[in-house]
Every structure is written in C-alpha cells, then in structure tokens.
Amino acid sequence: MKERSPFHPSRLAPIAALLLMSGCAAIDKLTCDMHESSTRGMKPVTTYAYIAPKAGQPSPRPLPRGSVPHVSTYTMTFKPGFTKPCATLTLYKDVAFERSDDTDNVLTEIREFYAEDGTLITSYTQDITAQTMKSGVYVATTPLPVPKSAPPGKYKIVSKLLFEKHGSRRPAVQLARAEGFFYIIPLQ
C-alpha cells in the first residue's frame, strides 16, 4: 500500500479552509478597525440640496416678511434599514417648505437617537439656515456611522425642524417632526 504524502490535496483541504476562515475574520476585523478609525469623531452632518421645479411647475414664492415658515413635507427613510456595526447607514429626508426671505430667520434641525427601550443615546443640533435660504423642495442626506460597539437591536431617530428669529428671546417654534426606525444586526 502506498502512503499518502503529507501534502496530498485531501489533507490540505481542511487546513486551507481553516486558513481562509481565519483570514476572512482578520480581514473583517481590519475593515472594522479602519471604519472605526476613519469615522472617529465624525459629526453626522446633514447636507441639504434644493430641487428645482420641473418645467411647467410654478416656482415656490417666498412668504411675506415676518412670517413663520410653513413645512408641508418632512419625511425620512434609512438605507439600508438593516445594518451591522462598522458600516455607515444613510438617513434620507425630503422637505418642502415656504419661508420668507428674512435674513434673521434661523432654521435648526435636531436629531435624537434612541435605543429600543426609549433611552436617549445622543442628540445633535445643526443650523441648516444657509442650506435652505428659499422656499421649495429639498432632499437631505446624513451619513450615520455605526460603531463597532453598537449592540444589535431596533433604534429610533427623531428629527425636528425648528424656527426662530436671530436674537429673539422667544423660544424656537417646532415646524415639523419626523421619526424612523432602523435595525442593527450582529456581526457574524
């Protein structure tokens, strides 16, 4: 009977599979560490883009000076709706509003992140005045890095659009509110 070489393919297959699996885990860890490093300290800044009316549609008119803005649409969605730690989730918003051309109007957006049990995780406030200077329809995106330490579960984001006059002592007026859910699934 002929003895098989220690390098025979039938003996190497299990070793190769083990090396591949441990190599994939090392690559996943390296990818996760790189994501964590590149997003550390990154603020979830929302970027608004004005959508010009289509041909034949009337352009939105500004409200009279001194008017409180009117929001007709304020919605949000997540892509993807299910994600893992070490990934970036994108929050998309559609906003339609009318406002005056007053230069002392301040529009602020507050985003609140909640855990499944209702615990507030964090809150972020952003002045969006310069990005939304005229009446119309806007789309907005916010990249949301999911840290390696994020536990699996259902999360809620509440977004509020507020208005105030620059220098006014009156409290800000909430113009609109939107909320949505996303899920973090465990790393394999």
N, C-alpha and C. Protein backbone atom coordinates (compact mmCIF):
# COMPACT_ATOMS: atom_id res chain seq x y z
N MET A 1 0.83 -1.16 0.00
CA MET A 1 0.00 0.00 0.00
C MET A 1 0.89 1.23 0.00
N LYS A 2 0.53 2.18 -0.84
CA LYS A 2 1.31 3.41 -0.99
C LYS A 2 0.83 4.43 0.04
N GLU A 3 1.78 5.02 0.79
CA GLU A 3 1.43 6.02 1.80
C GLU A 3 1.25 7.38 1.14
N ARG A 4 0.23 8.12 1.61
CA ARG A 4 -0.02 9.45 1.03
C ARG A 4 0.97 10.45 1.58
N SER A 5 1.32 11.37 0.73
CA SER A 5 2.22 12.45 1.11
C SER A 5 1.48 13.38 2.09
N PRO A 6 2.22 14.01 3.03
CA PRO A 6 1.57 14.95 3.94
C PRO A 6 1.02 16.17 3.19
N PHE A 7 1.42 16.35 1.95
CA PHE A 7 0.96 17.49 1.16
C PHE A 7 -0.11 17.10 0.15
N HIS A 8 -0.69 15.91 0.34
CA HIS A 8 -1.74 15.45 -0.55
C HIS A 8 -2.95 16.38 -0.43
N PRO A 9 -3.62 16.70 -1.57
CA PRO A 9 -4.76 17.62 -1.55
C PRO A 9 -5.85 17.26 -0.54
N SER A 10 -6.09 15.98 -0.30
CA SER A 10 -7.14 15.60 0.65
C SER A 10 -6.77 16.01 2.07
N ARG A 11 -5.50 16.10 2.37
CA ARG A 11 -5.07 16.53 3.70
C ARG A 11 -4.98 18.05 3.80
N LEU A 12 -4.76 18.71 2.70
CA LEU A 12 -4.61 20.16 2.71
C LEU A 12 -5.94 20.90 2.71
N ALA A 13 -7.00 20.27 2.22
CA ALA A 13 -8.30 20.95 2.12
C ALA A 13 -8.79 21.48 3.47
N PRO A 14 -8.79 20.67 4.55
CA PRO A 14 -9.27 21.22 5.82
C PRO A 14 -8.38 22.36 6.34
N ILE A 15 -7.08 22.25 6.12
CA ILE A 15 -6.16 23.31 6.56
C ILE A 15 -6.41 24.58 5.76
N ALA A 16 -6.61 24.45 4.46
CA ALA A 16 -6.88 25.61 3.60
C ALA A 16 -8.19 26.29 4.02
N ALA A 17 -9.20 25.49 4.31
CA ALA A 17 -10.49 26.06 4.73
C ALA A 17 -10.33 26.82 6.04
N LEU A 18 -9.59 26.28 6.99
CA LEU A 18 -9.35 26.94 8.26
C LEU A 18 -8.59 28.25 8.06
N LEU A 19 -7.58 28.23 7.21
CA LEU A 19 -6.82 29.45 6.92
C LEU A 19 -7.69 30.51 6.27
N LEU A 20 -8.55 30.08 5.34
CA LEU A 20 -9.44 31.04 4.68
C LEU A 20 -10.41 31.66 5.67
N MET A 21 -10.97 30.82 6.56
CA MET A 21 -11.93 31.36 7.54
C MET A 21 -11.25 32.33 8.49
N SER A 22 -10.06 31.99 8.98
CA SER A 22 -9.38 32.89 9.90
C SER A 22 -8.89 34.13 9.16
N GLY A 23 -8.56 33.98 7.89
CA GLY A 23 -8.15 35.14 7.09
C GLY A 23 -9.31 36.09 6.88
N CYS A 24 -10.52 35.56 6.63
CA CYS A 24 -11.71 36.40 6.46
C CYS A 24 -12.02 37.14 7.75
N ALA A 25 -11.86 36.46 8.88
CA ALA A 25 -12.11 37.12 10.16
C ALA A 25 -11.11 38.24 10.37
N ALA A 26 -9.86 38.00 9.99
CA ALA A 26 -8.84 39.03 10.14
C ALA A 26 -9.12 40.21 9.21
N ILE A 27 -9.59 39.93 8.00
CA ILE A 27 -9.94 40.99 7.06
C ILE A 27 -11.13 41.79 7.59
N ASP A 28 -12.16 41.07 8.13
CA ASP A 28 -13.32 41.75 8.71
C ASP A 28 -12.90 42.65 9.87
N LYS A 29 -12.00 42.15 10.73
CA LYS A 29 -11.53 42.94 11.87
C LYS A 29 -10.76 44.15 11.38
N LEU A 30 -9.92 43.98 10.38
CA LEU A 30 -9.15 45.09 9.82
C LEU A 30 -10.09 46.12 9.20
N THR A 31 -11.09 45.65 8.44
CA THR A 31 -12.06 46.55 7.83
C THR A 31 -12.83 47.31 8.90
N CYS A 32 -13.22 46.61 9.95
CA CYS A 32 -13.96 47.23 11.05
C CYS A 32 -13.08 48.28 11.75
N ASP A 33 -11.84 47.93 12.01
CA ASP A 33 -10.92 48.87 12.66
C ASP A 33 -10.69 50.10 11.78
N MET A 34 -10.58 49.91 10.47
CA MET A 34 -10.38 51.04 9.56
C MET A 34 -11.62 51.94 9.55
N HIS A 35 -12.81 51.34 9.52
CA HIS A 35 -14.06 52.11 9.55
C HIS A 35 -14.13 52.91 10.85
N GLU A 36 -13.83 52.26 11.95
CA GLU A 36 -13.87 52.90 13.27
C GLU A 36 -12.89 54.08 13.31
N SER A 37 -11.70 53.87 12.79
CA SER A 37 -10.68 54.92 12.79
C SER A 37 -11.07 56.10 11.90
N SER A 38 -11.61 55.81 10.72
CA SER A 38 -11.94 56.89 9.77
C SER A 38 -13.17 57.68 10.18
N THR A 39 -14.04 57.10 11.01
CA THR A 39 -15.27 57.80 11.41
C THR A 39 -15.22 58.33 12.84
N ARG A 40 -14.12 58.07 13.55
CA ARG A 40 -14.00 58.52 14.94
C ARG A 40 -14.09 60.04 14.99
N GLY A 41 -14.97 60.53 15.82
CA GLY A 41 -15.12 61.97 15.99
C GLY A 41 -15.92 62.65 14.89
N MET A 42 -16.36 61.88 13.89
CA MET A 42 -17.11 62.45 12.77
C MET A 42 -18.50 62.84 13.25
N LYS A 43 -18.90 64.06 12.95
CA LYS A 43 -20.23 64.54 13.31
C LYS A 43 -21.19 64.18 12.18
N PRO A 44 -22.40 63.75 12.51
CA PRO A 44 -23.36 63.37 11.47
C PRO A 44 -24.01 64.60 10.83
N VAL A 45 -23.29 65.24 9.93
CA VAL A 45 -23.75 66.47 9.30
C VAL A 45 -24.71 66.19 8.16
N THR A 46 -25.85 66.88 8.18
CA THR A 46 -26.85 66.75 7.13
C THR A 46 -26.55 67.75 6.02
N THR A 47 -26.61 67.27 4.80
CA THR A 47 -26.41 68.13 3.63
C THR A 47 -27.73 68.24 2.88
N TYR A 48 -28.20 69.48 2.71
CA TYR A 48 -29.45 69.75 2.00
C TYR A 48 -29.15 70.19 0.58
N ALA A 49 -29.98 69.74 -0.35
CA ALA A 49 -29.86 70.14 -1.76
C ALA A 49 -31.24 70.58 -2.25
N TYR A 50 -31.28 71.75 -2.85
CA TYR A 50 -32.52 72.31 -3.40
C TYR A 50 -32.88 71.57 -4.68
N ILE A 51 -34.15 71.24 -4.85
CA ILE A 51 -34.63 70.58 -6.07
C ILE A 51 -35.40 71.63 -6.87
N ALA A 52 -34.88 71.99 -8.02
CA ALA A 52 -35.54 72.99 -8.87
C ALA A 52 -36.86 72.43 -9.39
N PRO A 53 -37.88 73.30 -9.51
CA PRO A 53 -39.17 72.83 -10.05
C PRO A 53 -39.00 72.34 -11.48
N LYS A 54 -39.79 71.34 -11.84
CA LYS A 54 -39.76 70.81 -13.21
C LYS A 54 -40.37 71.83 -14.16
N ALA A 55 -40.04 71.69 -15.41
CA ALA A 55 -40.57 72.60 -16.43
C ALA A 55 -42.10 72.62 -16.36
N GLY A 56 -42.66 73.81 -16.36
CA GLY A 56 -44.10 73.96 -16.31
C GLY A 56 -44.66 74.09 -14.90
N GLN A 57 -43.85 73.73 -13.88
CA GLN A 57 -44.31 73.88 -12.50
C GLN A 57 -43.97 75.29 -12.01
N PRO A 58 -44.85 75.90 -11.25
CA PRO A 58 -44.54 77.23 -10.74
C PRO A 58 -43.42 77.17 -9.70
N SER A 59 -42.60 78.19 -9.67
CA SER A 59 -41.57 78.29 -8.64
C SER A 59 -42.22 78.69 -7.32
N PRO A 60 -41.77 78.11 -6.24
CA PRO A 60 -42.36 78.48 -4.95
C PRO A 60 -42.07 79.95 -4.64
N ARG A 61 -43.05 80.63 -4.10
CA ARG A 61 -42.88 82.04 -3.75
C ARG A 61 -42.54 82.16 -2.27
N PRO A 62 -41.75 83.15 -1.94
CA PRO A 62 -41.48 83.36 -0.52
C PRO A 62 -42.71 83.90 0.20
N LEU A 63 -42.79 83.62 1.48
CA LEU A 63 -43.86 84.16 2.32
C LEU A 63 -43.55 85.64 2.61
N PRO A 64 -44.54 86.39 3.04
CA PRO A 64 -44.31 87.79 3.40
C PRO A 64 -43.30 87.91 4.55
N ARG A 65 -42.58 89.00 4.59
CA ARG A 65 -41.59 89.25 5.64
C ARG A 65 -42.26 89.10 7.02
N GLY A 66 -41.53 88.52 7.94
CA GLY A 66 -42.04 88.35 9.30
C GLY A 66 -42.87 87.08 9.50
N SER A 67 -43.13 86.35 8.42
CA SER A 67 -43.94 85.12 8.53
C SER A 67 -43.13 83.96 9.10
N VAL A 68 -43.83 83.10 9.83
CA VAL A 68 -43.24 81.85 10.30
C VAL A 68 -43.25 80.88 9.13
N PRO A 69 -42.14 80.19 8.86
CA PRO A 69 -42.12 79.22 7.75
C PRO A 69 -43.20 78.15 7.91
N HIS A 70 -43.64 77.62 6.77
CA HIS A 70 -44.65 76.55 6.75
C HIS A 70 -44.03 75.33 6.09
N VAL A 71 -44.03 74.20 6.80
CA VAL A 71 -43.47 72.95 6.28
C VAL A 71 -44.62 72.05 5.86
N SER A 72 -44.64 71.67 4.57
CA SER A 72 -45.71 70.79 4.09
C SER A 72 -45.27 69.32 4.03
N THR A 73 -43.97 69.08 3.91
CA THR A 73 -43.44 67.71 3.86
C THR A 73 -42.17 67.64 4.68
N TYR A 74 -42.07 66.62 5.52
CA TYR A 74 -40.84 66.37 6.28
C TYR A 74 -40.83 64.89 6.60
N THR A 75 -40.16 64.10 5.76
CA THR A 75 -40.13 62.65 5.92
C THR A 75 -38.69 62.15 5.94
N MET A 76 -38.50 60.96 6.48
CA MET A 76 -37.16 60.37 6.47
C MET A 76 -37.23 58.86 6.26
N THR A 77 -36.18 58.36 5.62
CA THR A 77 -36.01 56.93 5.41
C THR A 77 -34.55 56.59 5.63
N PHE A 78 -34.27 55.31 5.84
CA PHE A 78 -32.91 54.83 6.06
C PHE A 78 -32.53 53.85 4.97
N LYS A 79 -31.28 53.92 4.56
CA LYS A 79 -30.77 52.94 3.60
C LYS A 79 -29.40 52.50 4.09
N PRO A 80 -29.21 51.25 4.35
CA PRO A 80 -30.21 50.19 4.41
C PRO A 80 -30.98 50.29 5.72
N GLY A 81 -32.10 49.62 5.79
CA GLY A 81 -32.91 49.61 7.01
C GLY A 81 -32.35 48.67 8.06
N PHE A 82 -31.55 47.70 7.61
CA PHE A 82 -30.86 46.77 8.49
C PHE A 82 -29.39 46.93 8.21
N THR A 83 -28.58 47.07 9.25
CA THR A 83 -27.14 47.24 9.05
C THR A 83 -26.39 46.56 10.18
N LYS A 84 -25.09 46.49 10.03
CA LYS A 84 -24.22 45.87 11.03
C LYS A 84 -23.29 46.94 11.59
N PRO A 85 -22.69 46.67 12.74
CA PRO A 85 -21.66 47.58 13.22
C PRO A 85 -20.54 47.69 12.18
N CYS A 86 -19.81 48.76 12.21
CA CYS A 86 -18.69 49.01 11.29
C CYS A 86 -19.19 49.30 9.87
N ALA A 87 -20.38 49.86 9.78
CA ALA A 87 -20.93 50.24 8.48
C ALA A 87 -21.47 51.66 8.62
N THR A 88 -21.81 52.27 7.50
CA THR A 88 -22.40 53.60 7.53
C THR A 88 -23.80 53.52 6.97
N LEU A 89 -24.75 53.92 7.77
CA LEU A 89 -26.15 53.98 7.41
C LEU A 89 -26.39 55.39 6.87
N THR A 90 -27.25 55.54 5.88
CA THR A 90 -27.55 56.87 5.36
C THR A 90 -29.01 57.20 5.66
N LEU A 91 -29.19 58.38 6.23
CA LEU A 91 -30.52 58.90 6.54
C LEU A 91 -30.89 59.87 5.42
N TYR A 92 -32.03 59.62 4.77
CA TYR A 92 -32.52 60.48 3.68
C TYR A 92 -33.76 61.22 4.16
N LYS A 93 -33.83 62.52 3.84
CA LYS A 93 -35.00 63.32 4.20
C LYS A 93 -35.51 64.06 2.99
N ASP A 94 -36.83 64.20 2.93
CA ASP A 94 -37.50 65.04 1.94
C ASP A 94 -38.19 66.15 2.72
N VAL A 95 -37.95 67.39 2.30
CA VAL A 95 -38.50 68.54 2.99
C VAL A 95 -39.06 69.51 1.96
N ALA A 96 -40.27 69.98 2.19
CA ALA A 96 -40.87 71.02 1.34
C ALA A 96 -41.40 72.09 2.28
N PHE A 97 -40.99 73.32 2.03
CA PHE A 97 -41.49 74.39 2.89
C PHE A 97 -41.50 75.72 2.17
N GLU A 98 -42.27 76.63 2.75
CA GLU A 98 -42.32 78.01 2.30
C GLU A 98 -41.75 78.85 3.43
N ARG A 99 -40.98 79.86 3.07
CA ARG A 99 -40.39 80.74 4.07
C ARG A 99 -40.24 82.14 3.48
N SER A 100 -40.02 83.11 4.34
CA SER A 100 -39.79 84.47 3.85
C SER A 100 -38.30 84.61 3.53
N ASP A 101 -37.96 85.70 2.90
CA ASP A 101 -36.55 85.97 2.58
C ASP A 101 -35.84 86.70 3.72
N ASP A 102 -36.48 86.78 4.90
CA ASP A 102 -35.87 87.48 6.03
C ASP A 102 -34.50 86.88 6.33
N THR A 103 -33.51 87.73 6.49
CA THR A 103 -32.15 87.25 6.77
C THR A 103 -31.94 86.90 8.24
N ASP A 104 -32.90 87.28 9.09
CA ASP A 104 -32.75 86.95 10.51
C ASP A 104 -33.49 85.66 10.90
N ASN A 105 -34.03 84.94 9.92
CA ASN A 105 -34.65 83.63 10.18
C ASN A 105 -33.56 82.59 10.42
N VAL A 106 -33.74 81.78 11.43
CA VAL A 106 -32.80 80.70 11.72
C VAL A 106 -33.58 79.40 11.70
N LEU A 107 -33.12 78.45 10.86
CA LEU A 107 -33.71 77.11 10.81
C LEU A 107 -32.70 76.14 11.40
N THR A 108 -33.18 75.35 12.35
CA THR A 108 -32.32 74.41 13.05
C THR A 108 -32.95 73.03 12.98
N GLU A 109 -32.10 72.03 12.86
CA GLU A 109 -32.57 70.65 12.87
C GLU A 109 -31.95 69.95 14.07
N ILE A 110 -32.77 69.24 14.82
CA ILE A 110 -32.29 68.46 15.96
C ILE A 110 -32.58 66.99 15.67
N ARG A 111 -31.55 66.14 15.78
CA ARG A 111 -31.71 64.70 15.60
C ARG A 111 -31.44 64.03 16.95
N GLU A 112 -32.38 63.19 17.37
CA GLU A 112 -32.25 62.46 18.62
C GLU A 112 -32.23 60.96 18.31
N PHE A 113 -31.25 60.26 18.88
CA PHE A 113 -31.09 58.82 18.67
C PHE A 113 -31.55 58.10 19.93
N TYR A 114 -32.45 57.14 19.76
CA TYR A 114 -33.00 56.40 20.90
C TYR A 114 -32.74 54.90 20.74
N ALA A 115 -32.47 54.25 21.86
CA ALA A 115 -32.36 52.79 21.90
C ALA A 115 -33.76 52.20 21.89
N GLU A 116 -33.82 50.90 21.75
CA GLU A 116 -35.11 50.19 21.67
C GLU A 116 -35.97 50.41 22.92
N ASP A 117 -35.32 50.56 24.08
CA ASP A 117 -36.08 50.75 25.32
C ASP A 117 -36.48 52.21 25.56
N GLY A 118 -36.19 53.10 24.61
CA GLY A 118 -36.57 54.51 24.72
C GLY A 118 -35.51 55.40 25.31
N THR A 119 -34.36 54.85 25.67
CA THR A 119 -33.27 55.63 26.24
C THR A 119 -32.65 56.52 25.17
N LEU A 120 -32.51 57.81 25.47
CA LEU A 120 -31.85 58.73 24.55
C LEU A 120 -30.36 58.42 24.55
N ILE A 121 -29.81 58.10 23.37
CA ILE A 121 -28.39 57.78 23.25
C ILE A 121 -27.59 59.05 23.03
N THR A 122 -28.04 59.86 22.08
CA THR A 122 -27.34 61.11 21.79
C THR A 122 -28.28 62.04 21.03
N SER A 123 -27.90 63.29 20.99
CA SER A 123 -28.67 64.31 20.29
C SER A 123 -27.67 65.20 19.54
N TYR A 124 -28.06 65.65 18.37
CA TYR A 124 -27.18 66.51 17.58
C TYR A 124 -28.01 67.65 16.99
N THR A 125 -27.53 68.88 17.14
CA THR A 125 -28.22 70.06 16.63
C THR A 125 -27.39 70.68 15.52
N GLN A 126 -28.05 71.05 14.43
CA GLN A 126 -27.36 71.64 13.27
C GLN A 126 -28.16 72.82 12.73
N ASP A 127 -27.48 73.93 12.51
CA ASP A 127 -28.09 75.10 11.88
C ASP A 127 -28.10 74.84 10.37
N ILE A 128 -29.29 74.79 9.77
CA ILE A 128 -29.40 74.50 8.33
C ILE A 128 -29.84 75.73 7.54
N THR A 129 -29.79 76.89 8.17
CA THR A 129 -30.26 78.13 7.54
C THR A 129 -29.59 78.38 6.20
N ALA A 130 -28.27 78.32 6.16
CA ALA A 130 -27.54 78.64 4.94
C ALA A 130 -27.84 77.66 3.80
N GLN A 131 -28.27 76.45 4.14
CA GLN A 131 -28.56 75.44 3.11
C GLN A 131 -30.00 75.51 2.60
N THR A 132 -30.84 76.27 3.30
CA THR A 132 -32.27 76.31 2.97
C THR A 132 -32.75 77.76 2.90
N MET A 133 -32.13 78.56 2.06
CA MET A 133 -32.39 80.00 2.03
C MET A 133 -33.67 80.41 1.31
N LYS A 134 -34.30 79.50 0.59
CA LYS A 134 -35.51 79.91 -0.13
C LYS A 134 -36.58 78.83 -0.03
N SER A 135 -37.80 79.24 -0.33
CA SER A 135 -38.92 78.30 -0.35
C SER A 135 -38.67 77.24 -1.40
N GLY A 136 -39.15 76.03 -1.15
CA GLY A 136 -39.02 74.98 -2.16
C GLY A 136 -38.92 73.60 -1.56
N VAL A 137 -38.48 72.69 -2.42
CA VAL A 137 -38.33 71.28 -2.05
C VAL A 137 -36.84 70.98 -1.94
N TYR A 138 -36.49 70.26 -0.89
CA TYR A 138 -35.10 69.90 -0.63
C TYR A 138 -35.02 68.40 -0.34
N VAL A 139 -33.87 67.83 -0.70
CA VAL A 139 -33.55 66.47 -0.25
C VAL A 139 -32.31 66.60 0.62
N ALA A 140 -32.24 65.76 1.62
CA ALA A 140 -31.13 65.83 2.56
C ALA A 140 -30.58 64.44 2.83
N THR A 141 -29.28 64.38 3.05
CA THR A 141 -28.64 63.11 3.42
C THR A 141 -27.77 63.33 4.64
N THR A 142 -27.76 62.32 5.49
CA THR A 142 -26.91 62.34 6.68
C THR A 142 -26.25 60.97 6.79
N PRO A 143 -24.91 60.91 6.70
CA PRO A 143 -24.24 59.63 6.93
C PRO A 143 -24.17 59.36 8.43
N LEU A 144 -24.55 58.16 8.83
CA LEU A 144 -24.55 57.77 10.24
C LEU A 144 -23.64 56.56 10.43
N PRO A 145 -22.40 56.77 10.84
CA PRO A 145 -21.51 55.64 11.08
C PRO A 145 -21.99 54.82 12.27
N VAL A 146 -22.01 53.52 12.11
CA VAL A 146 -22.43 52.61 13.18
C VAL A 146 -21.15 52.06 13.83
N PRO A 147 -20.90 52.41 15.10
CA PRO A 147 -19.66 51.97 15.73
C PRO A 147 -19.61 50.46 15.97
N LYS A 148 -18.41 49.97 16.10
CA LYS A 148 -18.17 48.55 16.36
C LYS A 148 -18.87 48.11 17.65
N SER A 149 -18.99 49.01 18.61
CA SER A 149 -19.57 48.67 19.91
C SER A 149 -21.10 48.74 19.94
N ALA A 150 -21.74 49.12 18.84
CA ALA A 150 -23.21 49.25 18.82
C ALA A 150 -23.86 47.88 19.00
N PRO A 151 -24.68 47.74 20.04
CA PRO A 151 -25.34 46.44 20.24
C PRO A 151 -26.47 46.23 19.23
N PRO A 152 -26.74 44.98 18.89
CA PRO A 152 -27.85 44.69 17.99
C PRO A 152 -29.17 45.18 18.59
N GLY A 153 -30.10 45.55 17.74
CA GLY A 153 -31.41 45.97 18.22
C GLY A 153 -32.08 46.95 17.29
N LYS A 154 -33.22 47.44 17.74
CA LYS A 154 -34.02 48.40 16.98
C LYS A 154 -33.71 49.79 17.53
N TYR A 155 -33.47 50.74 16.65
CA TYR A 155 -33.14 52.11 17.03
C TYR A 155 -34.10 53.08 16.36
N LYS A 156 -34.34 54.19 17.04
CA LYS A 156 -35.25 55.20 16.51
C LYS A 156 -34.50 56.53 16.42
N ILE A 157 -34.75 57.25 15.34
CA ILE A 157 -34.25 58.62 15.21
C ILE A 157 -35.46 59.53 15.09
N VAL A 158 -35.45 60.58 15.90
CA VAL A 158 -36.47 61.62 15.83
C VAL A 158 -35.76 62.87 15.32
N SER A 159 -36.32 63.46 14.29
CA SER A 159 -35.74 64.67 13.71
C SER A 159 -36.78 65.79 13.82
N LYS A 160 -36.32 66.94 14.30
CA LYS A 160 -37.22 68.08 14.48
C LYS A 160 -36.66 69.27 13.72
N LEU A 161 -37.53 70.00 13.07
CA LEU A 161 -37.16 71.22 12.35
C LEU A 161 -37.71 72.39 13.15
N LEU A 162 -36.82 73.29 13.58
CA LEU A 162 -37.19 74.41 14.43
C LEU A 162 -36.91 75.75 13.74
N PHE A 163 -37.68 76.76 14.13
CA PHE A 163 -37.54 78.11 13.58
C PHE A 163 -37.46 79.11 14.73
N GLU A 164 -36.58 80.09 14.56
CA GLU A 164 -36.53 81.22 15.49
C GLU A 164 -35.94 82.43 14.76
N LYS A 165 -36.19 83.58 15.32
CA LYS A 165 -35.62 84.82 14.80
C LYS A 165 -34.28 85.02 15.49
N HIS A 166 -33.26 85.37 14.71
CA HIS A 166 -31.93 85.61 15.27
C HIS A 166 -32.01 86.72 16.32
N GLY A 167 -31.51 86.44 17.49
CA GLY A 167 -31.51 87.43 18.56
C GLY A 167 -32.80 87.52 19.35
N SER A 168 -33.81 86.76 18.99
CA SER A 168 -35.10 86.81 19.68
C SER A 168 -35.00 86.09 21.02
N ARG A 169 -35.75 86.58 21.99
CA ARG A 169 -35.78 85.93 23.30
C ARG A 169 -36.88 84.87 23.36
N ARG A 170 -37.70 84.82 22.35
CA ARG A 170 -38.76 83.81 22.31
C ARG A 170 -38.16 82.44 22.02
N PRO A 171 -38.76 81.38 22.58
CA PRO A 171 -38.25 80.04 22.29
C PRO A 171 -38.49 79.67 20.82
N ALA A 172 -37.68 78.76 20.33
CA ALA A 172 -37.82 78.29 18.95
C ALA A 172 -39.18 77.61 18.78
N VAL A 173 -39.72 77.73 17.57
CA VAL A 173 -41.00 77.12 17.21
C VAL A 173 -40.71 75.84 16.43
N GLN A 174 -41.31 74.73 16.85
CA GLN A 174 -41.14 73.48 16.10
C GLN A 174 -42.04 73.52 14.88
N LEU A 175 -41.43 73.41 13.70
CA LEU A 175 -42.18 73.45 12.44
C LEU A 175 -42.63 72.07 11.99
N ALA A 176 -41.80 71.07 12.24
CA ALA A 176 -42.11 69.71 11.78
C ALA A 176 -41.33 68.70 12.60
N ARG A 177 -41.82 67.46 12.55
CA ARG A 177 -41.17 66.35 13.26
C ARG A 177 -41.33 65.11 12.41
N ALA A 178 -40.26 64.33 12.34
CA ALA A 178 -40.30 63.05 11.63
C ALA A 178 -39.54 62.03 12.46
N GLU A 179 -39.94 60.78 12.35
CA GLU A 179 -39.21 59.73 13.05
C GLU A 179 -39.16 58.48 12.19
N GLY A 180 -38.16 57.69 12.44
CA GLY A 180 -37.99 56.45 11.71
C GLY A 180 -37.17 55.46 12.50
N PHE A 181 -37.21 54.22 12.05
CA PHE A 181 -36.51 53.13 12.76
C PHE A 181 -35.52 52.46 11.82
N PHE A 182 -34.45 51.97 12.41
CA PHE A 182 -33.52 51.11 11.69
C PHE A 182 -33.06 50.03 12.67
N TYR A 183 -32.46 48.98 12.14
CA TYR A 183 -32.06 47.85 12.95
C TYR A 183 -30.57 47.58 12.76
N ILE A 184 -29.91 47.28 13.88
CA ILE A 184 -28.52 46.83 13.82
C ILE A 184 -28.54 45.33 14.09
N ILE A 185 -27.96 44.58 13.18
CA ILE A 185 -27.90 43.12 13.32
C ILE A 185 -26.47 42.75 13.73
N PRO A 186 -26.28 41.62 14.40
CA PRO A 186 -24.96 41.27 14.90
C PRO A 186 -23.97 40.96 13.77
N LEU A 187 -22.70 41.23 14.05
CA LEU A 187 -21.62 40.81 13.15
C LEU A 187 -21.52 39.28 13.24
N GLN A 188 -21.20 38.63 12.14
CA GLN A 188 -21.03 37.16 12.21
C GLN A 188 -19.61 36.82 12.49
